[in-house]
Amino acid sequence: STQSTGDQLLSSSEGENYERLVGSGGNQSNLLAAVSYLAKKHLKPFTYYTTRVSEKLRKNPHGNYATALALGTQIVEVEALSNLDLPSNPKALVIPFGASCPEVSWGVSILAEELIHYIDSTFPFESKVSIVLPSGTGATSFYLNKHLSVYRNITVYTVPVAGDLTSEFNRLGSISHVAGRPTVLDSKKRYRFATPHSDLKKIYCLFKNRGIEFDLIYAPKVWKVVLENWDLFKHSELIYIHTGGVEGNICLLYTSPSPRDRQKSR
């Protein structure tokens, strides 16, 4: 949705007014790679703020971090992102952390149209359809539910992977004047975000061995939750929205969680 929204915006007359792009997040963020591609395509410099990059990653760039560097993104390291004030410049298009903003609705509406076309052309008219996707900030699932809520046989489910979604859904609902919310499902077991827990690696390998590669940060937890709640889905057509990129998998596959992280995940 970030690429769809950004591509349309930067291709418009409004987009011509922006001289540069600015964003922030983790150094293996999917947003980092997606916006880097957009910046390269539209010949706009992109400055990205992230927390300190490890010496190991700096010496051996890989994943989304390496992709962004190769595309010419300027990566600026800061101590923390929580209270980061991004430079205010009317000529800069500032993309908030996780792309959690009303403008995302534009790109997600395209996704919704593609889903409706696929559903109408694939399943019988009276089919019950369950659409499942992960949530980081929750913006994609929130706006997807908004655009699909008028279809009575479609239910949007989302699984939080980075924390509780209540406050973010309330914020998006307030600024967008949207009352509806996707149905949130979560696992009983807690997992530290972006930590390659053995349970989640097993799910990843289960699909990989069948020829399907998902990202390691979002997809494994979602599928674990889907399997735990299979009674909800067994009588419907199930569509999974893969929102993560696989470029960052290499740096997670060979990383073992620390004893402290293992304890937090229990």
Protein backbone atom coordinates (compact mmCIF):
# COMPACT_ATOMS: atom_id res chain seq x y z
CA SER A 1 0.00 0.00 0.00
CA THR A 2 2.93 2.34 0.67
CA GLN A 3 4.23 1.90 -2.88
CA SER A 4 0.77 2.19 -4.48
CA THR A 5 -0.07 5.36 -2.56
CA GLY A 6 3.36 6.93 -3.01
CA ASP A 7 3.55 6.13 -6.71
CA GLN A 8 0.20 7.76 -7.40
CA LEU A 9 1.01 10.79 -5.27
CA LEU A 10 4.47 11.37 -6.74
CA SER A 11 3.09 10.95 -10.26
CA SER A 12 0.44 13.61 -9.66
CA SER A 13 0.73 17.37 -10.06
CA GLU A 14 0.86 17.64 -6.25
CA GLY A 15 3.78 15.22 -6.17
CA GLU A 16 5.80 17.47 -8.45
CA ASN A 17 5.92 20.03 -5.63
CA TYR A 18 7.95 17.69 -3.41
CA GLU A 19 11.70 17.88 -3.78
CA ARG A 20 12.60 15.10 -1.35
CA LEU A 21 11.19 12.28 0.77
CA VAL A 22 11.73 11.83 4.52
CA GLY A 23 10.88 8.83 6.68
CA SER A 24 11.84 6.89 9.80
CA GLY A 25 11.77 3.37 11.22
CA GLY A 26 13.85 0.25 11.69
CA ASN A 27 16.91 -0.51 9.57
CA GLN A 28 15.23 -3.60 8.06
CA SER A 29 11.82 -1.97 7.64
CA ASN A 30 9.78 -2.86 4.54
CA LEU A 31 8.89 0.84 4.32
CA LEU A 32 12.61 1.64 3.97
CA ALA A 33 12.95 -0.56 0.88
CA ALA A 34 9.56 0.41 -0.62
CA VAL A 35 10.12 4.16 -0.38
CA SER A 36 13.72 3.79 -1.57
CA TYR A 37 12.40 2.23 -4.78
CA LEU A 38 9.87 5.05 -5.15
CA ALA A 39 12.50 7.72 -4.56
CA LYS A 40 14.76 6.16 -7.17
CA LYS A 41 11.91 5.86 -9.69
CA HIS A 42 10.82 9.47 -9.25
CA LEU A 43 14.37 10.86 -8.93
CA LYS A 44 13.74 12.26 -5.43
CA PRO A 45 16.39 12.13 -2.69
CA PHE A 46 15.22 10.09 0.31
CA THR A 47 16.47 10.63 3.87
CA TYR A 48 15.63 7.90 6.37
CA TYR A 49 16.13 8.13 10.15
CA THR A 50 16.80 4.95 12.09
CA THR A 51 18.34 3.84 15.38
CA ARG A 52 22.00 2.88 15.61
CA VAL A 53 23.08 0.35 13.00
CA SER A 54 25.12 -2.53 14.37
CA GLU A 55 28.76 -2.82 13.37
CA LYS A 56 27.99 -6.24 11.88
CA LEU A 57 25.29 -4.82 9.58
CA ARG A 58 27.42 -1.81 8.71
CA LYS A 59 30.31 -4.06 7.59
CA ASN A 60 28.07 -6.57 5.84
CA PRO A 61 24.92 -4.80 4.60
CA HIS A 62 22.04 -7.11 3.73
CA GLY A 63 18.26 -7.19 3.51
CA ASN A 64 16.26 -3.98 3.21
CA TYR A 65 19.15 -1.95 4.61
CA ALA A 66 21.41 -3.03 1.75
CA THR A 67 18.64 -2.44 -0.79
CA ALA A 68 18.13 1.12 0.44
CA LEU A 69 21.85 1.91 0.33
CA ALA A 70 22.12 0.52 -3.20
CA LEU A 71 19.21 2.73 -4.28
CA GLY A 72 20.93 5.84 -2.94
CA THR A 73 18.95 6.42 0.26
CA GLN A 74 20.64 8.61 2.87
CA ILE A 75 20.38 6.78 6.20
CA VAL A 76 20.77 8.92 9.31
CA GLU A 77 21.32 7.21 12.66
CA VAL A 78 19.70 8.63 15.81
CA GLU A 79 19.59 7.50 19.44
CA ALA A 80 15.81 6.95 19.52
CA LEU A 81 12.80 7.28 17.24
CA SER A 82 10.17 7.77 19.96
CA ASN A 83 10.53 11.56 20.20
CA LEU A 84 12.05 12.19 16.79
CA ASP A 85 11.08 15.50 15.18
CA LEU A 86 11.43 15.09 11.44
CA PRO A 87 12.57 18.20 9.57
CA SER A 88 9.68 20.49 8.69
CA ASN A 89 9.87 21.50 5.04
CA PRO A 90 6.94 22.19 2.70
CA LYS A 91 9.04 20.78 -0.14
CA ALA A 92 9.54 17.46 1.69
CA LEU A 93 7.04 14.61 1.70
CA VAL A 94 7.24 13.24 5.24
CA ILE A 95 6.13 9.62 5.65
CA PRO A 96 5.31 8.83 9.30
CA PHE A 97 6.55 5.77 11.14
CA GLY A 98 4.84 2.69 9.69
CA ALA A 99 3.11 4.88 7.08
CA SER A 100 0.25 5.27 9.54
CA CYS A 101 -1.64 8.20 8.02
CA PRO A 102 -4.92 8.88 6.19
CA GLU A 103 -3.15 9.11 2.82
CA VAL A 104 -2.58 5.34 2.99
CA SER A 105 -6.31 4.92 2.36
CA TRP A 106 -5.69 5.94 -1.25
CA GLY A 107 -3.33 3.05 -1.96
CA VAL A 108 -5.36 0.55 0.07
CA SER A 109 -8.46 1.41 -1.99
CA ILE A 110 -6.60 0.02 -5.03
CA LEU A 111 -5.86 -3.18 -3.12
CA ALA A 112 -9.54 -3.42 -2.16
CA GLU A 113 -10.60 -3.06 -5.80
CA GLU A 114 -8.17 -5.81 -6.84
CA LEU A 115 -9.50 -8.09 -4.10
CA ILE A 116 -13.13 -7.52 -5.11
CA HIS A 117 -12.28 -8.31 -8.73
CA TYR A 118 -10.47 -11.50 -7.67
CA ILE A 119 -13.28 -12.60 -5.34
CA ASP A 120 -16.00 -11.94 -7.93
CA SER A 121 -14.12 -13.83 -10.64
CA THR A 122 -13.00 -16.76 -8.47
CA PHE A 123 -15.61 -17.70 -5.86
CA PRO A 124 -19.35 -18.41 -6.08
CA PHE A 125 -21.52 -15.35 -5.38
CA GLU A 126 -22.71 -16.47 -1.92
CA SER A 127 -19.25 -17.48 -0.67
CA LYS A 128 -18.13 -16.29 2.72
CA VAL A 129 -14.68 -14.72 2.38
CA SER A 130 -12.15 -14.19 5.19
CA ILE A 131 -9.27 -11.82 4.48
CA VAL A 132 -6.37 -12.06 6.90
CA LEU A 133 -3.35 -9.79 7.21
CA PRO A 134 -0.81 -8.77 9.85
CA SER A 135 -0.73 -5.37 11.53
CA GLY A 136 2.29 -3.35 12.58
CA THR A 137 0.78 0.09 13.03
CA GLY A 138 -2.52 -1.30 11.73
CA ALA A 139 -3.04 1.29 8.98
CA THR A 140 -3.39 -1.20 6.12
CA SER A 141 -5.89 -3.44 7.92
CA PHE A 142 -7.85 -0.43 9.18
CA TYR A 143 -8.33 1.11 5.75
CA LEU A 144 -8.83 -2.24 4.02
CA ASN A 145 -11.70 -2.92 6.42
CA LYS A 146 -13.08 0.54 5.64
CA HIS A 147 -13.14 -0.13 1.88
CA LEU A 148 -14.51 -3.68 2.17
CA SER A 149 -17.01 -3.20 5.00
CA VAL A 150 -19.84 -2.59 2.51
CA TYR A 151 -19.56 -6.18 1.28
CA ARG A 152 -21.60 -8.34 3.65
CA ASN A 153 -19.84 -11.64 2.90
CA ILE A 154 -16.31 -10.33 3.51
CA THR A 155 -14.67 -10.17 6.95
CA VAL A 156 -11.25 -8.58 7.47
CA TYR A 157 -9.17 -10.17 10.23
CA THR A 158 -5.84 -8.87 11.45
CA VAL A 159 -3.15 -10.13 13.82
CA PRO A 160 -1.05 -7.58 15.76
CA VAL A 161 2.67 -8.29 15.59
CA ALA A 162 4.12 -5.13 17.16
CA GLY A 163 1.75 -4.41 20.05
CA ASP A 164 -1.84 -3.55 20.92
CA LEU A 165 -3.81 -1.88 18.14
CA THR A 166 -6.56 -0.22 20.16
CA SER A 167 -5.06 3.25 20.50
CA GLU A 168 -3.84 3.36 16.89
CA PHE A 169 -7.22 2.26 15.54
CA ASN A 170 -8.89 4.92 17.68
CA ARG A 171 -6.47 7.57 16.35
CA LEU A 172 -7.02 6.55 12.72
CA GLY A 173 -10.77 6.39 13.29
CA SER A 174 -10.78 9.88 14.78
CA ILE A 175 -8.83 11.56 11.99
CA SER A 176 -10.60 9.60 9.23
CA HIS A 177 -14.11 9.68 10.73
CA VAL A 178 -14.38 5.90 10.34
CA ALA A 179 -16.17 3.86 13.01
CA GLY A 180 -15.51 0.32 11.75
CA ARG A 181 -12.57 -1.81 12.81
CA PRO A 182 -11.15 -5.07 11.45
CA THR A 183 -11.59 -8.14 13.66
CA VAL A 184 -8.44 -8.56 15.76
CA LEU A 185 -7.12 -12.05 16.57
CA ASP A 186 -4.05 -12.70 18.68
CA SER A 187 -2.09 -15.63 20.05
CA LYS A 188 -2.16 -16.55 23.72
CA LYS A 189 1.62 -16.67 23.68
CA ARG A 190 3.46 -13.36 23.46
CA TYR A 191 6.30 -12.85 21.00
CA ARG A 192 8.82 -10.04 21.03
CA PHE A 193 8.53 -8.09 17.77
CA ALA A 194 11.12 -8.98 15.09
CA THR A 195 12.60 -11.73 17.26
CA PRO A 196 13.02 -15.01 15.33
CA HIS A 197 11.40 -17.27 17.93
CA SER A 198 11.69 -21.01 17.24
CA ASP A 199 7.87 -21.40 17.12
CA LEU A 200 7.65 -18.86 14.32
CA LYS A 201 10.62 -20.27 12.43
CA LYS A 202 8.81 -23.63 12.38
CA ILE A 203 5.79 -22.01 10.72
CA TYR A 204 8.09 -20.29 8.20
CA CYS A 205 9.82 -23.60 7.38
CA LEU A 206 6.48 -25.41 7.08
CA PHE A 207 5.47 -23.13 4.19
CA LYS A 208 8.98 -22.81 2.74
CA ASN A 209 9.20 -26.60 2.39
CA ARG A 210 6.01 -26.42 0.32
CA GLY A 211 7.43 -23.81 -2.02
CA ILE A 212 5.97 -20.67 -0.37
CA GLU A 213 8.29 -18.12 1.20
CA PHE A 214 6.79 -15.55 3.56
CA ASP A 215 8.57 -12.88 5.54
CA LEU A 216 9.74 -13.90 9.02
CA ILE A 217 8.51 -10.87 10.97
CA TYR A 218 4.81 -10.76 10.12
CA ALA A 219 3.57 -13.91 8.39
CA PRO A 220 4.56 -16.73 10.80
CA LYS A 221 2.65 -15.29 13.73
CA VAL A 222 -0.40 -14.65 11.56
CA TRP A 223 -0.46 -18.24 10.32
CA LYS A 224 0.07 -19.56 13.83
CA VAL A 225 -3.00 -17.60 14.94
CA VAL A 226 -5.00 -18.73 11.89
CA LEU A 227 -4.24 -22.37 12.68
CA GLU A 228 -5.12 -21.85 16.34
CA ASN A 229 -8.48 -20.40 15.27
CA TRP A 230 -9.16 -22.67 12.32
CA ASP A 231 -12.84 -23.11 13.27
CA LEU A 232 -13.36 -19.47 12.25
CA PHE A 233 -12.06 -20.10 8.74
CA LYS A 234 -12.84 -23.68 7.79
CA HIS A 235 -16.17 -22.79 6.16
CA SER A 236 -14.96 -19.71 4.28
CA GLU A 237 -12.64 -18.83 1.43
CA LEU A 238 -9.39 -17.65 3.02
CA ILE A 239 -7.26 -14.91 1.48
CA TYR A 240 -3.96 -13.94 3.10
CA ILE A 241 -2.44 -10.53 2.33
CA HIS A 242 1.35 -10.78 2.42
CA THR A 243 2.48 -7.34 3.61
CA GLY A 244 6.09 -8.14 4.42
CA GLY A 245 9.11 -8.42 2.15
CA VAL A 246 11.41 -11.43 2.17
CA GLU A 247 14.62 -9.42 1.71
CA GLY A 248 15.13 -9.20 5.47
CA ASN A 249 14.78 -12.94 6.10
CA ILE A 250 18.47 -13.64 5.72
CA CYS A 251 19.37 -11.57 8.77
CA LEU A 252 16.69 -13.28 10.90
CA LEU A 253 17.13 -16.90 9.85
CA TYR A 254 20.56 -17.16 11.39
CA THR A 255 19.87 -15.07 14.47
CA SER A 256 19.02 -16.84 17.70
CA PRO A 257 16.99 -14.99 20.34
CA SER A 258 18.84 -14.13 23.51
CA PRO A 259 17.88 -15.83 26.82
CA ARG A 260 16.25 -12.54 27.82
CA ASP A 261 14.12 -12.51 24.65
CA ARG A 262 13.19 -16.15 25.15
CA GLN A 263 12.00 -15.30 28.65
CA LYS A 264 9.92 -12.32 27.37
CA SER A 265 8.30 -14.52 24.73
CA ARG A 266 6.96 -17.03 27.23
